[in-house]
Amino acid sequence: MSRLTVDDLKRIKDQQKATFTLREGGSRVKVTVHMGTCGIAAGARKVMEALLDEINKSNVSDVAVTTSGCAGLCSKEPMATVELLNAAPVKYGSLNEEKMRKIFQDHILNGHPVEEYALVVGSETAY
């Protein structure tokens, strides 16, 4: 086994910090990018890359990013759900990189949902 470098240790630390933040609920915002087969085929990876790029550029540390499978609305893929602390979740559809960047700036950073891209506001229930 090769020796760990300082960069390796920093990477491990960052990964663990993200895991603990998710587990302990220490994030102000949770963004779920729906990455089922239909979402990936429609471009969800590009949407995820745009989101991660915006997070890195803005140097925020209170945004948790997760993935999920299909949300059941294949015709609206790629989709993402944004959940701000103490606010109703917003599910966005028919996304691309440009739309995700606008959602990041307006909703995630400034708390203003982007209505023209929103599919639904509020929690979904099975009853």
C-alpha atoms as a PDB file:
ATOM      1  CA  MET A   1       0.000   0.000   0.000  1.00  0.00           C
ATOM      2  CA  SER A   2       1.352   3.406  -0.946  1.00  0.00           C
ATOM      3  CA  ARG A   3       1.851   6.172   1.583  1.00  0.00           C
ATOM      4  CA  LEU A   4      -0.798   8.831   2.002  1.00  0.00           C
ATOM      5  CA  THR A   5       0.073  12.342   0.960  1.00  0.00           C
ATOM      6  CA  VAL A   6      -1.147  15.579   2.495  1.00  0.00           C
ATOM      7  CA  ASP A   7      -3.510  15.984  -0.475  1.00  0.00           C
ATOM      8  CA  ASP A   8      -4.914  12.494   0.173  1.00  0.00           C
ATOM      9  CA  LEU A   9      -5.582  13.403   3.793  1.00  0.00           C
ATOM     10  CA  LYS A  10      -7.279  16.675   2.814  1.00  0.00           C
ATOM     11  CA  ARG A  11      -9.505  14.819   0.348  1.00  0.00           C
ATOM     12  CA  ILE A  12     -10.467  12.243   2.994  1.00  0.00           C
ATOM     13  CA  LYS A  13     -11.183  15.029   5.494  1.00  0.00           C
ATOM     14  CA  ASP A  14     -13.445  16.851   3.005  1.00  0.00           C
ATOM     15  CA  GLN A  15     -15.318  13.658   2.174  1.00  0.00           C
ATOM     16  CA  GLN A  16     -15.878  12.858   5.849  1.00  0.00           C
ATOM     17  CA  LYS A  17     -16.966  16.417   6.607  1.00  0.00           C
ATOM     18  CA  ALA A  18     -19.597  16.205   3.861  1.00  0.00           C
ATOM     19  CA  THR A  19     -20.801  12.861   5.216  1.00  0.00           C
ATOM     20  CA  PHE A  20     -21.101  14.179   8.777  1.00  0.00           C
ATOM     21  CA  THR A  21     -22.863  17.326   7.593  1.00  0.00           C
ATOM     22  CA  LEU A  22     -25.459  15.243   5.779  1.00  0.00           C
ATOM     23  CA  ARG A  23     -25.904  12.810   8.650  1.00  0.00           C
ATOM     24  CA  GLU A  24     -26.188  15.482  11.324  1.00  0.00           C
ATOM     25  CA  GLY A  25     -28.390  17.796   9.283  1.00  0.00           C
ATOM     26  CA  GLY A  26     -25.926  20.682   9.527  1.00  0.00           C
ATOM     27  CA  SER A  27     -26.734  22.083   6.101  1.00  0.00           C
ATOM     28  CA  ARG A  28     -28.813  25.144   5.310  1.00  0.00           C
ATOM     29  CA  VAL A  29     -29.789  23.692   1.928  1.00  0.00           C
ATOM     30  CA  LYS A  30     -30.212  20.178   0.562  1.00  0.00           C
ATOM     31  CA  VAL A  31     -30.292  19.699  -3.213  1.00  0.00           C
ATOM     32  CA  THR A  32     -31.323  16.333  -4.626  1.00  0.00           C
ATOM     33  CA  VAL A  33     -30.528  15.719  -8.281  1.00  0.00           C
ATOM     34  CA  HIS A  34     -32.744  12.922  -9.586  1.00  0.00           C
ATOM     35  CA  MET A  35     -30.366  10.489 -11.294  1.00  0.00           C
ATOM     36  CA  GLY A  36     -32.510   7.571 -12.378  1.00  0.00           C
ATOM     37  CA  THR A  37     -31.849   6.086 -15.796  1.00  0.00           C
ATOM     38  CA  CYS A  38     -34.319   8.490 -17.390  1.00  0.00           C
ATOM     39  CA  GLY A  39     -32.711  11.480 -15.652  1.00  0.00           C
ATOM     40  CA  ILE A  40     -29.215  10.486 -16.700  1.00  0.00           C
ATOM     41  CA  ALA A  41     -30.371   9.942 -20.287  1.00  0.00           C
ATOM     42  CA  ALA A  42     -31.983  13.397 -20.261  1.00  0.00           C
ATOM     43  CA  GLY A  43     -28.824  15.146 -19.008  1.00  0.00           C
ATOM     44  CA  ALA A  44     -28.830  14.946 -15.186  1.00  0.00           C
ATOM     45  CA  ARG A  45     -25.046  14.521 -15.086  1.00  0.00           C
ATOM     46  CA  LYS A  46     -24.561  17.896 -16.780  1.00  0.00           C
ATOM     47  CA  VAL A  47     -27.022  19.452 -14.316  1.00  0.00           C
ATOM     48  CA  MET A  48     -25.087  17.919 -11.406  1.00  0.00           C
ATOM     49  CA  GLU A  49     -21.771  19.177 -12.827  1.00  0.00           C
ATOM     50  CA  ALA A  50     -23.193  22.703 -13.144  1.00  0.00           C
ATOM     51  CA  LEU A  51     -24.453  22.600  -9.542  1.00  0.00           C
ATOM     52  CA  LEU A  52     -21.122  21.379  -8.182  1.00  0.00           C
ATOM     53  CA  ASP A  53     -19.281  23.988 -10.249  1.00  0.00           C
ATOM     54  CA  GLU A  54     -21.446  26.771  -8.799  1.00  0.00           C
ATOM     55  CA  ILE A  55     -20.888  25.476  -5.266  1.00  0.00           C
ATOM     56  CA  ASN A  56     -17.125  25.415  -5.808  1.00  0.00           C
ATOM     57  CA  LYS A  57     -17.061  28.884  -7.391  1.00  0.00           C
ATOM     58  CA  SER A  58     -19.095  30.449  -4.595  1.00  0.00           C
ATOM     59  CA  ASN A  59     -17.152  28.591  -1.894  1.00  0.00           C
ATOM     60  CA  VAL A  60     -20.254  27.772   0.189  1.00  0.00           C
ATOM     61  CA  SER A  61     -20.070  24.945   2.694  1.00  0.00           C
ATOM     62  CA  ASP A  62     -23.675  24.724   3.890  1.00  0.00           C
ATOM     63  CA  VAL A  63     -25.170  23.081   0.783  1.00  0.00           C
ATOM     64  CA  ALA A  64     -25.635  19.308   0.870  1.00  0.00           C
ATOM     65  CA  VAL A  65     -25.934  17.617  -2.513  1.00  0.00           C
ATOM     66  CA  THR A  66     -27.527  14.193  -2.844  1.00  0.00           C
ATOM     67  CA  THR A  67     -28.900  12.015  -5.608  1.00  0.00           C
ATOM     68  CA  SER A  68     -31.977   9.872  -5.939  1.00  0.00           C
ATOM     69  CA  GLY A  69     -33.468   7.510  -8.448  1.00  0.00           C
ATOM     70  CA  CYS A  70     -36.396   8.243 -10.697  1.00  0.00           C
ATOM     71  CA  ALA A  71     -39.005  10.597  -9.261  1.00  0.00           C
ATOM     72  CA  GLY A  72     -41.700   9.200 -11.573  1.00  0.00           C
ATOM     73  CA  LEU A  73     -41.950  12.131 -13.973  1.00  0.00           C
ATOM     74  CA  CYS A  74     -39.678  10.919 -16.754  1.00  0.00           C
ATOM     75  CA  SER A  75     -40.990  13.481 -19.231  1.00  0.00           C
ATOM     76  CA  LYS A  76     -39.813  16.305 -16.911  1.00  0.00           C
ATOM     77  CA  GLU A  77     -36.249  15.026 -16.452  1.00  0.00           C
ATOM     78  CA  PRO A  78     -33.662  16.219 -15.600  1.00  0.00           C
ATOM     79  CA  MET A  79     -35.116  17.231 -12.247  1.00  0.00           C
ATOM     80  CA  ALA A  80     -33.799  18.507  -8.926  1.00  0.00           C
ATOM     81  CA  THR A  81     -35.391  19.238  -5.566  1.00  0.00           C
ATOM     82  CA  VAL A  82     -34.195  22.162  -3.450  1.00  0.00           C
ATOM     83  CA  GLU A  83     -34.939  22.121   0.280  1.00  0.00           C
ATOM     84  CA  LEU A  84     -34.028  25.237   2.242  1.00  0.00           C
ATOM     85  CA  LEU A  85     -34.093  25.104   6.020  1.00  0.00           C
ATOM     86  CA  ASN A  86     -37.577  26.075   7.291  1.00  0.00           C
ATOM     87  CA  ALA A  87     -39.053  26.352   3.786  1.00  0.00           C
ATOM     88  CA  ALA A  88     -41.174  24.117   1.584  1.00  0.00           C
ATOM     89  CA  PRO A  89     -39.201  21.976  -0.875  1.00  0.00           C
ATOM     90  CA  VAL A  90     -39.312  22.982  -4.537  1.00  0.00           C
ATOM     91  CA  LYS A  91     -39.049  20.398  -7.331  1.00  0.00           C
ATOM     92  CA  TYR A  92     -37.665  21.749 -10.604  1.00  0.00           C
ATOM     93  CA  GLY A  93     -38.021  20.050 -13.990  1.00  0.00           C
ATOM     94  CA  SER A  94     -36.772  20.132 -17.570  1.00  0.00           C
ATOM     95  CA  LEU A  95     -33.418  21.405 -16.327  1.00  0.00           C
ATOM     96  CA  ASN A  96     -30.175  22.114 -18.120  1.00  0.00           C
ATOM     97  CA  GLU A  97     -26.885  23.612 -16.942  1.00  0.00           C
ATOM     98  CA  GLU A  98     -28.011  27.214 -17.434  1.00  0.00           C
ATOM     99  CA  LYS A  99     -31.250  26.705 -15.494  1.00  0.00           C
ATOM    100  CA  MET A 100     -29.402  24.965 -12.642  1.00  0.00           C
ATOM    101  CA  ARG A 101     -26.970  27.876 -12.398  1.00  0.00           C
ATOM    102  CA  LYS A 102     -29.890  30.334 -12.150  1.00  0.00           C
ATOM    103  CA  ILE A 103     -31.571  28.157  -9.494  1.00  0.00           C
ATOM    104  CA  PHE A 104     -28.305  28.117  -7.559  1.00  0.00           C
ATOM    105  CA  GLN A 105     -27.948  31.904  -7.633  1.00  0.00           C
ATOM    106  CA  ASP A 106     -31.588  32.830  -7.042  1.00  0.00           C
ATOM    107  CA  HIS A 107     -32.958  30.038  -4.838  1.00  0.00           C
ATOM    108  CA  ILE A 108     -30.033  28.331  -3.119  1.00  0.00           C
ATOM    109  CA  LEU A 109     -27.979  31.443  -2.373  1.00  0.00           C
ATOM    110  CA  ASN A 110     -30.702  34.082  -2.088  1.00  0.00           C
ATOM    111  CA  GLY A 111     -33.807  32.128  -1.047  1.00  0.00           C
ATOM    112  CA  HIS A 112     -35.981  33.120  -4.016  1.00  0.00           C
ATOM    113  CA  PRO A 113     -37.464  30.105  -5.862  1.00  0.00           C
ATOM    114  CA  VAL A 114     -37.336  30.309  -9.652  1.00  0.00           C
ATOM    115  CA  GLU A 115     -41.041  29.984 -10.431  1.00  0.00           C
ATOM    116  CA  GLU A 116     -40.712  29.521 -14.188  1.00  0.00           C
ATOM    117  CA  TYR A 117     -38.727  26.277 -13.686  1.00  0.00           C
ATOM    118  CA  ALA A 118     -40.690  24.931 -10.690  1.00  0.00           C
ATOM    119  CA  LEU A 119     -42.949  21.895 -11.064  1.00  0.00           C
ATOM    120  CA  VAL A 120     -44.288  21.785  -7.509  1.00  0.00           C
ATOM    121  CA  VAL A 121     -43.799  23.453  -4.142  1.00  0.00           C
ATOM    122  CA  GLY A 122     -44.323  21.494  -0.948  1.00  0.00           C
ATOM    123  CA  SER A 123     -43.945  17.947   0.275  1.00  0.00           C
ATOM    124  CA  GLU A 124     -45.327  15.022  -1.655  1.00  0.00           C
ATOM    125  CA  THR A 125     -47.542  12.529   0.138  1.00  0.00           C
ATOM    126  CA  ALA A 126     -48.848   9.081  -0.687  1.00  0.00           C
ATOM    127  CA  TYR A 127     -52.342   9.729   0.690  1.00  0.00           C
END
